[in-house]
Amino acid sequence: MTGKRASIFRDSAGLDLSAFAPKTEADAKGRPLEAVKAVAETANFRSREAAAPRAESRAATKRPVRRYRTGRSVQFNAKASQETIDAFYAITEAQDWVLGYTLERAVAALKRELEKTS
């Protein structure tokens, strides 16, 4: 190889392409996985695989997907403590309600309570 790029506009009859050939089966397989792991460990390479979630992590606990056709189409987001959110979900699941209905009942109960005190 000369280290010089071939021109696409000139005649390439003198271009030597003998070094290019299909990969053999051994080349296509690549290096053995154990050898790659050994080299990575000696070079202190960090794995990019996601770490398994910790059991005590609250994010690791998944709630069942809740999708219902109720006519409620406006999204409501609010920050709350984890205890409040857990209690909200516990009430919803215990009563077999949907989240929107639980929120409506909570607002109605708060309105009744505020009317009593005024």
C-alpha atoms as a PDB file:
ATOM      1  CA  MET A   1       0.000   0.000   0.000  1.00  0.00           C
ATOM      2  CA  THR A   2       1.208   3.448  -0.839  1.00  0.00           C
ATOM      3  CA  GLY A   3      -0.776   5.298   1.819  1.00  0.00           C
ATOM      4  CA  LYS A   4      -2.271   7.505  -0.862  1.00  0.00           C
ATOM      5  CA  ARG A   5      -5.977   7.455  -1.636  1.00  0.00           C
ATOM      6  CA  ALA A   6      -7.123   6.351  -5.041  1.00  0.00           C
ATOM      7  CA  SER A   7      -8.990   8.893  -7.106  1.00  0.00           C
ATOM      8  CA  ILE A   8     -12.505   7.993  -8.162  1.00  0.00           C
ATOM      9  CA  PHE A   9     -12.079  10.041 -11.337  1.00  0.00           C
ATOM     10  CA  ARG A  10      -9.003   8.286 -12.693  1.00  0.00           C
ATOM     11  CA  ASP A  11      -8.720   4.845 -14.196  1.00  0.00           C
ATOM     12  CA  SER A  12      -8.352   2.314 -11.363  1.00  0.00           C
ATOM     13  CA  ALA A  13      -6.806  -0.414 -13.516  1.00  0.00           C
ATOM     14  CA  GLY A  14      -3.489  -0.068 -11.674  1.00  0.00           C
ATOM     15  CA  LEU A  15      -5.133  -0.265  -8.242  1.00  0.00           C
ATOM     16  CA  ASP A  16      -4.045  -3.317  -6.217  1.00  0.00           C
ATOM     17  CA  LEU A  17      -6.998  -4.752  -4.259  1.00  0.00           C
ATOM     18  CA  SER A  18      -5.469  -8.140  -3.532  1.00  0.00           C
ATOM     19  CA  ALA A  19      -5.362  -7.427   0.218  1.00  0.00           C
ATOM     20  CA  PHE A  20      -9.155  -7.251   0.353  1.00  0.00           C
ATOM     21  CA  ALA A  21     -10.831 -10.622   0.739  1.00  0.00           C
ATOM     22  CA  PRO A  22     -13.876 -12.033   2.536  1.00  0.00           C
ATOM     23  CA  LYS A  23     -13.304 -12.841   6.174  1.00  0.00           C
ATOM     24  CA  THR A  24     -12.622 -16.411   7.053  1.00  0.00           C
ATOM     25  CA  GLU A  25     -14.903 -18.181   9.522  1.00  0.00           C
ATOM     26  CA  ALA A  26     -12.351 -17.752  12.315  1.00  0.00           C
ATOM     27  CA  ASP A  27     -12.184 -13.997  11.681  1.00  0.00           C
ATOM     28  CA  ALA A  28     -15.964 -13.651  11.631  1.00  0.00           C
ATOM     29  CA  LYS A  29     -16.306 -15.191  15.099  1.00  0.00           C
ATOM     30  CA  GLY A  30     -13.944 -12.666  16.652  1.00  0.00           C
ATOM     31  CA  ARG A  31     -11.994 -13.173  19.838  1.00  0.00           C
ATOM     32  CA  PRO A  32     -13.104 -15.659  22.504  1.00  0.00           C
ATOM     33  CA  LEU A  33     -15.332 -14.018  25.104  1.00  0.00           C
ATOM     34  CA  GLU A  34     -13.119 -15.160  27.975  1.00  0.00           C
ATOM     35  CA  ALA A  35     -10.084 -13.472  26.418  1.00  0.00           C
ATOM     36  CA  VAL A  36     -11.988 -10.219  25.940  1.00  0.00           C
ATOM     37  CA  LYS A  37     -13.213 -10.296  29.561  1.00  0.00           C
ATOM     38  CA  ALA A  38      -9.694 -10.960  30.825  1.00  0.00           C
ATOM     39  CA  VAL A  39      -8.262  -8.016  28.898  1.00  0.00           C
ATOM     40  CA  ALA A  40     -11.104  -5.761  30.055  1.00  0.00           C
ATOM     41  CA  GLU A  41     -10.571  -6.704  33.702  1.00  0.00           C
ATOM     42  CA  THR A  42      -6.827  -6.083  33.563  1.00  0.00           C
ATOM     43  CA  ALA A  43      -7.459  -2.666  31.971  1.00  0.00           C
ATOM     44  CA  ASN A  44     -10.064  -1.820  34.657  1.00  0.00           C
ATOM     45  CA  PHE A  45     -12.720  -1.374  31.977  1.00  0.00           C
ATOM     46  CA  ARG A  46     -16.152  -0.530  33.403  1.00  0.00           C
ATOM     47  CA  SER A  47     -19.024  -2.567  32.091  1.00  0.00           C
ATOM     48  CA  ARG A  48     -21.785  -0.605  30.395  1.00  0.00           C
ATOM     49  CA  GLU A  49     -24.429  -3.118  31.390  1.00  0.00           C
ATOM     50  CA  ALA A  50     -27.065  -1.738  33.717  1.00  0.00           C
ATOM     51  CA  ALA A  51     -26.633  -2.690  37.327  1.00  0.00           C
ATOM     52  CA  ALA A  52     -29.375  -4.813  38.824  1.00  0.00           C
ATOM     53  CA  PRO A  53     -31.762  -2.687  40.922  1.00  0.00           C
ATOM     54  CA  ARG A  54     -31.394  -3.025  44.674  1.00  0.00           C
ATOM     55  CA  ALA A  55     -34.216  -4.850  46.406  1.00  0.00           C
ATOM     56  CA  GLU A  56     -34.676  -2.123  48.992  1.00  0.00           C
ATOM     57  CA  SER A  57     -35.039   0.540  46.317  1.00  0.00           C
ATOM     58  CA  ARG A  58     -38.559   1.926  46.030  1.00  0.00           C
ATOM     59  CA  ALA A  59     -38.052   2.453  42.317  1.00  0.00           C
ATOM     60  CA  ALA A  60     -37.524  -1.280  41.939  1.00  0.00           C
ATOM     61  CA  THR A  61     -41.071  -1.988  43.107  1.00  0.00           C
ATOM     62  CA  LYS A  62     -43.342  -1.824  40.087  1.00  0.00           C
ATOM     63  CA  ARG A  63     -47.020  -1.098  40.332  1.00  0.00           C
ATOM     64  CA  PRO A  64     -49.447  -2.757  37.950  1.00  0.00           C
ATOM     65  CA  VAL A  65     -50.287  -0.763  34.841  1.00  0.00           C
ATOM     66  CA  ARG A  66     -53.582   1.085  35.275  1.00  0.00           C
ATOM     67  CA  ARG A  67     -55.389   2.026  32.064  1.00  0.00           C
ATOM     68  CA  TYR A  68     -59.106   2.629  32.083  1.00  0.00           C
ATOM     69  CA  ARG A  69     -61.489   4.457  29.732  1.00  0.00           C
ATOM     70  CA  THR A  70     -63.207   6.904  32.074  1.00  0.00           C
ATOM     71  CA  GLY A  71     -63.566  10.120  30.100  1.00  0.00           C
ATOM     72  CA  ARG A  72     -60.945  11.822  32.242  1.00  0.00           C
ATOM     73  CA  SER A  73     -58.531  13.400  29.813  1.00  0.00           C
ATOM     74  CA  VAL A  74     -56.608  16.036  31.775  1.00  0.00           C
ATOM     75  CA  GLN A  75     -53.347  15.033  33.388  1.00  0.00           C
ATOM     76  CA  PHE A  76     -52.552  16.173  36.928  1.00  0.00           C
ATOM     77  CA  ASN A  77     -49.024  16.032  38.340  1.00  0.00           C
ATOM     78  CA  ALA A  78     -47.994  16.985  41.846  1.00  0.00           C
ATOM     79  CA  LYS A  79     -44.999  16.355  44.039  1.00  0.00           C
ATOM     80  CA  ALA A  80     -45.754  14.498  47.244  1.00  0.00           C
ATOM     81  CA  SER A  81     -43.927  12.474  49.848  1.00  0.00           C
ATOM     82  CA  GLN A  82     -43.455   8.780  49.197  1.00  0.00           C
ATOM     83  CA  GLU A  83     -45.703   7.966  52.166  1.00  0.00           C
ATOM     84  CA  THR A  84     -48.564  10.048  50.715  1.00  0.00           C
ATOM     85  CA  ILE A  85     -48.252   8.429  47.308  1.00  0.00           C
ATOM     86  CA  ASP A  86     -48.116   4.951  48.856  1.00  0.00           C
ATOM     87  CA  ALA A  87     -51.233   5.719  50.923  1.00  0.00           C
ATOM     88  CA  PHE A  88     -53.029   7.052  47.819  1.00  0.00           C
ATOM     89  CA  TYR A  89     -52.248   3.874  45.884  1.00  0.00           C
ATOM     90  CA  ALA A  90     -53.156   1.686  48.871  1.00  0.00           C
ATOM     91  CA  ILE A  91     -56.608   3.308  49.133  1.00  0.00           C
ATOM     92  CA  THR A  92     -57.116   3.004  45.372  1.00  0.00           C
ATOM     93  CA  GLU A  93     -56.176  -0.668  45.315  1.00  0.00           C
ATOM     94  CA  ALA A  94     -58.121  -1.547  48.473  1.00  0.00           C
ATOM     95  CA  GLN A  95     -61.316  -0.004  47.087  1.00  0.00           C
ATOM     96  CA  ASP A  96     -60.666  -1.309  43.552  1.00  0.00           C
ATOM     97  CA  TRP A  97     -61.012   2.227  42.180  1.00  0.00           C
ATOM     98  CA  VAL A  98     -59.079   4.007  39.466  1.00  0.00           C
ATOM     99  CA  LEU A  99     -56.669   6.797  40.390  1.00  0.00           C
ATOM    100  CA  GLY A 100     -58.857   9.558  38.955  1.00  0.00           C
ATOM    101  CA  TYR A 101     -61.870   8.407  40.969  1.00  0.00           C
ATOM    102  CA  THR A 102     -59.800   8.300  44.158  1.00  0.00           C
ATOM    103  CA  LEU A 103     -58.658  11.871  43.499  1.00  0.00           C
ATOM    104  CA  GLU A 104     -62.251  13.006  42.871  1.00  0.00           C
ATOM    105  CA  ARG A 105     -63.388  11.388  46.139  1.00  0.00           C
ATOM    106  CA  ALA A 106     -60.474  12.982  48.038  1.00  0.00           C
ATOM    107  CA  VAL A 107     -61.291  16.454  46.678  1.00  0.00           C
ATOM    108  CA  ALA A 108     -64.996  16.021  47.510  1.00  0.00           C
ATOM    109  CA  ALA A 109     -64.122  14.926  51.069  1.00  0.00           C
ATOM    110  CA  LEU A 110     -61.796  17.921  51.489  1.00  0.00           C
ATOM    111  CA  LYS A 111     -64.543  20.279  50.264  1.00  0.00           C
ATOM    112  CA  ARG A 112     -66.992  18.813  52.815  1.00  0.00           C
ATOM    113  CA  GLU A 113     -64.415  19.191  55.582  1.00  0.00           C
ATOM    114  CA  LEU A 114     -63.688  22.815  54.644  1.00  0.00           C
ATOM    115  CA  GLU A 115     -67.408  23.667  54.535  1.00  0.00           C
ATOM    116  CA  LYS A 116     -67.841  22.323  58.072  1.00  0.00           C
ATOM    117  CA  THR A 117     -65.067  24.549  59.424  1.00  0.00           C
ATOM    118  CA  SER A 118     -66.196  27.757  57.728  1.00  0.00           C
END
